[in-house]
Amino acid sequence: QVQLVESGGGLVQAGGSLRLSCAASGRTFSRYVAGWFRQAPGKKREFVAGISWTGGLTYYADSVAGRFTISRDNAKSTAYLQMNSLSPEDTAIYYCAADLQEFGTVPRTAAGYIYWGQGTQVTVSS
């Protein structure tokens, strides 16, 4: 069992930045892949970014590539999502997710993750 708690969301103007954190507890976080998803009102939950055990592999949705950076600090059992050049289209609830996977596998769908945080709201004003 892994518990995930997100933080760092808030209100920011277009063009601004935020860094989300996902603190994990309960098991050895370094053995879990981590991902960030988001869900805007009336839309399906969508993949944003994913990272492998060691952080050596990262994947991004096309809509955030070049603007967002996923990272992790296994010593702190924490994953991060640095978000730059934010636009109103990035407004959503952002969720952290984790799962045990074979080394090198990073799921890019919600079905690939069993553990989820409660979400943190990100609102970007124009």
Foldseek 3Di string as FASTA:
>chain_A
DKAWAKDWADEAAAQAKIKMKIAIDDDQLLQKKKFKWWDDPPGDIFGAKIAFSQRPDMDGDPVQPPFWDWGDDSVRRMIMIIGGRDDQVPWTWMKMFIDRDPGPDIDGDPVVTDYIYPTDTHGYHD
